[in-house]
Protein backbone atom coordinates (compact mmCIF):
# COMPACT_ATOMS: atom_id res chain seq x y z
CA UNK A 1 -15.19 42.42 -85.72
CA UNK A 2 -15.49 38.94 -84.28
CA UNK A 3 -18.49 37.32 -82.68
CA UNK A 4 -18.24 36.86 -78.98
CA UNK A 5 -18.57 33.16 -79.21
CA UNK A 6 -15.74 32.45 -81.75
CA UNK A 7 -12.23 31.25 -80.78
CA UNK A 8 -10.80 34.60 -82.06
CA UNK A 9 -12.95 36.61 -79.71
CA UNK A 10 -12.01 34.31 -76.83
CA UNK A 11 -8.42 34.68 -77.59
CA UNK A 12 -8.66 38.54 -77.65
CA UNK A 13 -10.56 38.31 -74.39
CA UNK A 14 -7.81 36.25 -72.81
CA UNK A 15 -5.17 38.71 -74.00
CA UNK A 16 -6.98 41.63 -72.72
CA UNK A 17 -7.80 39.88 -69.39
CA UNK A 18 -4.16 39.31 -68.77
CA UNK A 19 -3.05 42.77 -69.98
CA UNK A 20 -5.44 44.37 -67.56
CA UNK A 21 -4.79 42.12 -64.67
CA UNK A 22 -2.85 43.58 -62.04
CA UNK A 23 2.96 23.41 -58.96
CA UNK A 24 6.02 25.26 -60.83
CA UNK A 25 8.13 27.77 -59.14
CA UNK A 26 10.28 30.41 -60.73
CA UNK A 27 13.57 31.60 -59.38
CA UNK A 28 14.45 35.20 -60.76
CA UNK A 29 18.27 35.20 -61.55
CA UNK A 30 18.52 38.82 -62.66
CA UNK A 31 17.66 41.14 -65.59
CA UNK A 32 19.58 41.57 -68.86
CA UNK A 33 21.90 44.51 -68.62
CA UNK A 34 22.56 46.45 -71.77
CA UNK A 35 25.57 48.09 -70.29
CA UNK A 36 27.26 44.99 -68.81
CA UNK A 37 30.35 43.73 -70.69
CA UNK A 38 29.48 41.25 -73.29
CA UNK A 39 31.31 37.99 -74.12
CA UNK A 40 31.23 37.51 -77.88
CA UNK A 41 31.69 33.82 -78.83
CA UNK A 42 32.93 32.51 -82.12
CA UNK A 43 30.12 31.97 -84.74
CA UNK A 44 30.90 29.18 -87.15
CA UNK A 45 30.14 29.85 -90.73
CA UNK A 46 27.55 27.88 -92.57
CA UNK A 47 24.88 25.72 -90.99
CA UNK A 48 24.86 22.34 -89.25
CA UNK A 49 22.54 19.74 -90.79
CA UNK A 50 20.45 17.95 -88.28
CA UNK A 51 19.98 15.09 -90.73
CA UNK A 52 22.78 13.77 -92.90
CA UNK A 53 26.32 15.00 -92.37
CA UNK A 54 27.85 17.41 -94.77
CA UNK A 55 31.42 18.49 -95.27
CA UNK A 56 32.55 20.86 -92.62
CA UNK A 57 33.55 24.44 -93.54
CA UNK A 58 36.84 25.49 -91.88
CA UNK A 59 36.23 29.10 -91.19
CA UNK A 60 34.45 31.44 -88.67
CA UNK A 61 31.86 33.78 -89.71
CA UNK A 62 32.55 36.19 -86.96
CA UNK A 63 31.55 36.56 -83.31
CA UNK A 64 28.12 36.37 -81.67
CA UNK A 65 26.96 38.14 -78.50
CA UNK A 66 24.15 36.03 -77.25
CA UNK A 67 22.63 38.90 -75.21
CA UNK A 68 22.51 41.12 -78.39
CA UNK A 69 21.07 38.12 -80.33
CA UNK A 70 18.41 36.98 -77.88
CA UNK A 71 17.40 40.11 -75.85
CA UNK A 72 15.33 42.70 -77.84
CA UNK A 73 14.39 44.91 -74.80
CA UNK A 74 17.31 44.72 -72.26
CA UNK A 75 15.74 47.10 -69.75
CA UNK A 76 12.53 44.94 -69.69
CA UNK A 77 14.17 41.48 -69.87
CA UNK A 78 15.14 39.20 -67.00
CA UNK A 79 16.26 35.50 -66.65
CA UNK A 80 14.43 32.97 -64.50
CA UNK A 81 15.14 29.28 -63.68
CA UNK A 82 12.19 26.96 -64.23
CA UNK A 83 11.38 24.41 -61.54
CA UNK A 84 9.31 21.28 -61.88
CA UNK A 85 7.91 19.16 -64.80
CA UNK A 86 4.71 20.79 -65.65
CA UNK A 87 6.01 22.43 -68.88
CA UNK A 88 7.94 19.47 -70.30
CA UNK A 89 5.46 18.97 -73.12
CA UNK A 90 6.39 22.44 -74.36
CA UNK A 91 10.20 21.78 -74.04
CA UNK A 92 10.78 23.48 -70.74
CA UNK A 93 12.51 21.26 -68.17
CA UNK A 94 13.47 21.53 -64.50
CA UNK A 95 16.44 24.02 -64.05
CA UNK A 96 16.06 25.46 -67.63
CA UNK A 97 17.05 29.07 -67.99
CA UNK A 98 14.15 31.12 -69.31
CA UNK A 99 14.56 34.55 -70.88
CA UNK A 100 11.46 36.72 -70.18
CA UNK A 101 10.52 39.91 -71.84
CA UNK A 102 8.22 42.30 -69.89
CA UNK A 103 7.83 44.70 -72.76
CA UNK A 104 5.71 42.23 -74.81
CA UNK A 105 2.03 41.94 -74.29
CA UNK A 106 0.72 38.43 -73.51
CA UNK A 107 -1.15 36.75 -76.33
CA UNK A 108 -2.95 33.37 -76.49
CA UNK A 109 -0.40 30.52 -76.93
CA UNK A 110 2.40 32.53 -75.44
CA UNK A 111 4.36 30.99 -72.58
CA UNK A 112 4.25 33.35 -69.68
CA UNK A 113 5.49 34.01 -66.21
CA UNK A 114 2.53 35.09 -64.25
CA UNK A 115 1.46 35.51 -60.57
CA UNK A 116 -1.84 33.77 -59.98
CA UNK A 117 -3.32 34.69 -56.58
CA UNK A 118 0.20 35.79 -55.56
CA UNK A 119 1.95 32.62 -56.71
CA UNK A 120 4.46 32.69 -59.59
CA UNK A 121 4.10 30.11 -62.33
CA UNK A 122 5.21 29.47 -65.85
CA UNK A 123 2.37 28.32 -68.14
CA UNK A 124 1.05 28.65 -71.61
CA UNK A 125 -1.91 31.09 -72.10
CA UNK A 126 -4.91 29.39 -73.59
CA UNK A 127 -8.73 29.37 -73.79
CA UNK A 128 -11.05 26.88 -72.13
CA UNK A 129 -14.83 27.20 -72.72
CA UNK A 130 -14.23 30.74 -73.97
CA UNK A 131 -12.38 31.75 -70.80
CA UNK A 132 -8.69 32.49 -70.35
CA UNK A 133 -6.60 29.77 -68.66
CA UNK A 134 -3.05 28.82 -68.07
CA UNK A 135 -2.11 25.46 -69.47
CA UNK A 136 0.66 23.16 -68.43
CA UNK A 137 2.66 20.94 -70.84
CA UNK A 138 2.00 17.84 -68.63
CA UNK A 139 -1.28 16.12 -68.34
CA UNK A 140 -0.70 15.51 -64.65
CA UNK A 141 -1.32 19.21 -64.04
CA UNK A 142 -4.80 20.63 -64.53
CA UNK A 143 -5.38 23.96 -66.27
CA UNK A 144 -5.54 27.04 -64.09
CA UNK A 145 -8.79 28.94 -65.05
CA UNK A 146 -8.17 32.66 -64.59
CA UNK A 147 -11.69 33.98 -64.25
CA UNK A 148 -12.28 35.46 -60.82
CA UNK A 149 -8.58 35.16 -59.89
CA UNK A 150 -5.98 37.83 -59.23
CA UNK A 151 -3.55 37.62 -62.17
CA UNK A 152 -0.39 39.61 -62.84
CA UNK A 153 1.71 39.00 -66.00
CA UNK A 154 5.50 39.07 -65.27
CA UNK A 155 6.42 38.63 -68.84
CA UNK A 156 6.45 36.51 -71.99
CA UNK A 157 9.10 33.79 -72.20
CA UNK A 158 11.02 34.53 -75.40
CA UNK A 159 13.72 31.88 -75.19
CA UNK A 160 14.53 28.74 -73.26
CA UNK A 161 18.11 27.50 -72.55
CA UNK A 162 18.64 23.98 -71.45
CA UNK A 163 21.58 21.65 -71.47
CA UNK A 164 21.63 18.76 -73.94
CA UNK A 165 24.73 17.21 -72.23
CA UNK A 166 23.83 15.41 -69.14
CA UNK A 167 27.16 16.47 -67.56
CA UNK A 168 26.29 20.09 -67.67
CA UNK A 169 24.80 21.05 -64.31
CA UNK A 170 24.08 24.82 -64.41
């Protein structure tokens, strides 16, 4: 059992606060459909080094269905597009595609989609002075303290997809 004034107790309180609860905007694109036709893509064998180059291997390992690979709970998963710059410090940029799982309980340090006083936002769940708060990844945006506010968790962001090539505009 944890003392009520420890970080562990505060984290548990934040998790329970959001679980009980009935700047950036979020556009819901749709939910993952386990029955929709998939488009398996070629999966190259081996690994790609991010440091020094290594000799390429000239074979394919097989095919990879990204939905099967990324979505654990298809009936509870949906896609949203992030808007704004408040989460850039956490690697989420304007127009990024977020994969959100509603089947997961929110825990401290998770990135969530939540409605706060009726407005949707994407933020990281944290603790400030022992109370739950939603934190941005940009110092220009202050934390959103949750005590005394109406909060509904819409899911935990499990993956973020963003383009690395500037010519890609989706």
